[in-house]
C-alpha cells in the first residue's frame, strides 16, 4: 500500500476558512463507510447523507436533544 501520508488541510490564515471547511468536508466524505456499526440496530443515529433537508434537520434536532441530555450534570 506504500507509505501513509496524512492529508494536509489548507491554512485558514493564508487560504481562508472557506477553503479549509471545504477540504474538511471532502476529507470526511472520503472516510464514509470505513467504520461501520456491527449491526443496523447498533447504529444509533440515522445517516442523513444525500437525504432531503427536512431529514437533515430532524437528525440535527435528535442530536441536539441527545447532547442536551448528555451534557447536563
C-alpha atoms as a PDB file:
ATOM      1  CA  UNK A   1       0.000   0.000   0.000  1.00  0.00           C
ATOM      2  CA  UNK A   2       3.015   2.256   0.278  1.00  0.00           C
ATOM      3  CA  UNK A   3       3.820   4.887   2.832  1.00  0.00           C
ATOM      4  CA  UNK A   4       0.889   6.537   4.535  1.00  0.00           C
ATOM      5  CA  UNK A   5       0.886  10.318   4.297  1.00  0.00           C
ATOM      6  CA  UNK A   6      -1.619  12.349   6.322  1.00  0.00           C
ATOM      7  CA  UNK A   7      -3.801  14.793   4.448  1.00  0.00           C
ATOM      8  CA  UNK A   8      -2.855  18.412   4.580  1.00  0.00           C
ATOM      9  CA  UNK A   9      -5.588  20.918   5.205  1.00  0.00           C
ATOM     10  CA  UNK A  10      -5.475  24.422   3.799  1.00  0.00           C
ATOM     11  CA  UNK A  11      -4.155  27.020   6.222  1.00  0.00           C
ATOM     12  CA  UNK A  12      -7.069  29.204   7.361  1.00  0.00           C
ATOM     13  CA  UNK A  13      -4.833  32.269   7.554  1.00  0.00           C
ATOM     14  CA  UNK A  14      -3.364  32.088   4.065  1.00  0.00           C
ATOM     15  CA  UNK A  15      -6.008  30.034   2.193  1.00  0.00           C
ATOM     16  CA  UNK A  16      -9.107  31.168   4.043  1.00  0.00           C
ATOM     17  CA  UNK A  17     -11.697  29.475   6.226  1.00  0.00           C
ATOM     18  CA  UNK A  18     -13.970  28.570   3.310  1.00  0.00           C
ATOM     19  CA  UNK A  19     -11.257  26.537   1.591  1.00  0.00           C
ATOM     20  CA  UNK A  20     -10.389  24.837   4.879  1.00  0.00           C
ATOM     21  CA  UNK A  21     -14.048  23.983   5.525  1.00  0.00           C
ATOM     22  CA  UNK A  22     -14.431  22.561   2.012  1.00  0.00           C
ATOM     23  CA  UNK A  23     -11.317  20.438   2.495  1.00  0.00           C
ATOM     24  CA  UNK A  24     -12.668  19.124   5.809  1.00  0.00           C
ATOM     25  CA  UNK A  25     -15.948  18.146   4.154  1.00  0.00           C
ATOM     26  CA  UNK A  26     -14.097  16.358   1.349  1.00  0.00           C
ATOM     27  CA  UNK A  27     -11.911  14.526   3.890  1.00  0.00           C
ATOM     28  CA  UNK A  28     -14.934  13.457   5.942  1.00  0.00           C
ATOM     29  CA  UNK A  29     -16.750  12.253   2.816  1.00  0.00           C
ATOM     30  CA  UNK A  30     -13.703  10.209   1.800  1.00  0.00           C
ATOM     31  CA  UNK A  31     -13.849   8.341   5.126  1.00  0.00           C
ATOM     32  CA  UNK A  32     -17.527   7.416   4.869  1.00  0.00           C
ATOM     33  CA  UNK A  33     -18.081   3.698   5.160  1.00  0.00           C
ATOM     34  CA  UNK A  34     -14.767   2.857   6.812  1.00  0.00           C
ATOM     35  CA  UNK A  35     -16.191   2.475  10.320  1.00  0.00           C
ATOM     36  CA  UNK A  36     -19.482   0.641  10.055  1.00  0.00           C
ATOM     37  CA  UNK A  37     -21.606  -0.376  13.061  1.00  0.00           C
ATOM     38  CA  UNK A  38     -21.684  -4.066  13.931  1.00  0.00           C
ATOM     39  CA  UNK A  39     -25.389  -4.174  13.011  1.00  0.00           C
ATOM     40  CA  UNK A  40     -28.172  -1.845  11.878  1.00  0.00           C
ATOM     41  CA  UNK A  41     -29.509  -1.865  15.436  1.00  0.00           C
ATOM     42  CA  UNK A  42     -26.135  -0.702  16.768  1.00  0.00           C
ATOM     43  CA  UNK A  43     -26.291   2.435  14.622  1.00  0.00           C
ATOM     44  CA  UNK A  44     -27.991   4.870  16.963  1.00  0.00           C
ATOM     45  CA  UNK A  45     -28.408   7.751  14.511  1.00  0.00           C
ATOM     46  CA  UNK A  46     -29.818   7.513  11.005  1.00  0.00           C
ATOM     47  CA  UNK A  47     -27.475   8.782   8.307  1.00  0.00           C
ATOM     48  CA  UNK A  48     -28.881  11.862   6.546  1.00  0.00           C
ATOM     49  CA  UNK A  49     -26.233  11.835   3.782  1.00  0.00           C
ATOM     50  CA  UNK A  50     -27.991  12.521   0.476  1.00  0.00           C
ATOM     51  CA  UNK A  51     -31.404  12.876   2.112  1.00  0.00           C
ATOM     52  CA  UNK A  52     -33.746  15.877   1.863  1.00  0.00           C
ATOM     53  CA  UNK A  53     -33.058  18.898   4.087  1.00  0.00           C
ATOM     54  CA  UNK A  54     -36.040  18.082   6.304  1.00  0.00           C
ATOM     55  CA  UNK A  55     -34.403  14.770   7.213  1.00  0.00           C
ATOM     56  CA  UNK A  56     -31.103  16.535   7.945  1.00  0.00           C
ATOM     57  CA  UNK A  57     -32.932  18.887  10.277  1.00  0.00           C
ATOM     58  CA  UNK A  58     -34.722  16.059  12.080  1.00  0.00           C
ATOM     59  CA  UNK A  59     -31.405  14.283  12.678  1.00  0.00           C
ATOM     60  CA  UNK A  60     -29.875  17.572  13.851  1.00  0.00           C
ATOM     61  CA  UNK A  61     -32.705  18.015  16.349  1.00  0.00           C
ATOM     62  CA  UNK A  62     -32.232  14.418  17.530  1.00  0.00           C
ATOM     63  CA  UNK A  63     -28.509  15.002  18.061  1.00  0.00           C
ATOM     64  CA  UNK A  64     -29.141  18.313  19.813  1.00  0.00           C
ATOM     65  CA  UNK A  65     -31.563  16.697  22.263  1.00  0.00           C
ATOM     66  CA  UNK A  66     -29.090  13.886  22.940  1.00  0.00           C
ATOM     67  CA  UNK A  67     -26.329  16.436  23.559  1.00  0.00           C
ATOM     68  CA  UNK A  68     -28.520  18.401  25.955  1.00  0.00           C
ATOM     69  CA  UNK A  69     -29.368  15.246  27.930  1.00  0.00           C
ATOM     70  CA  UNK A  70     -25.731  14.124  27.960  1.00  0.00           C
ATOM     71  CA  UNK A  71     -24.258  17.494  28.933  1.00  0.00           C
ATOM     72  CA  UNK A  72     -26.493  18.087  31.953  1.00  0.00           C
ATOM     73  CA  UNK A  73     -24.763  17.424  35.279  1.00  0.00           C
END
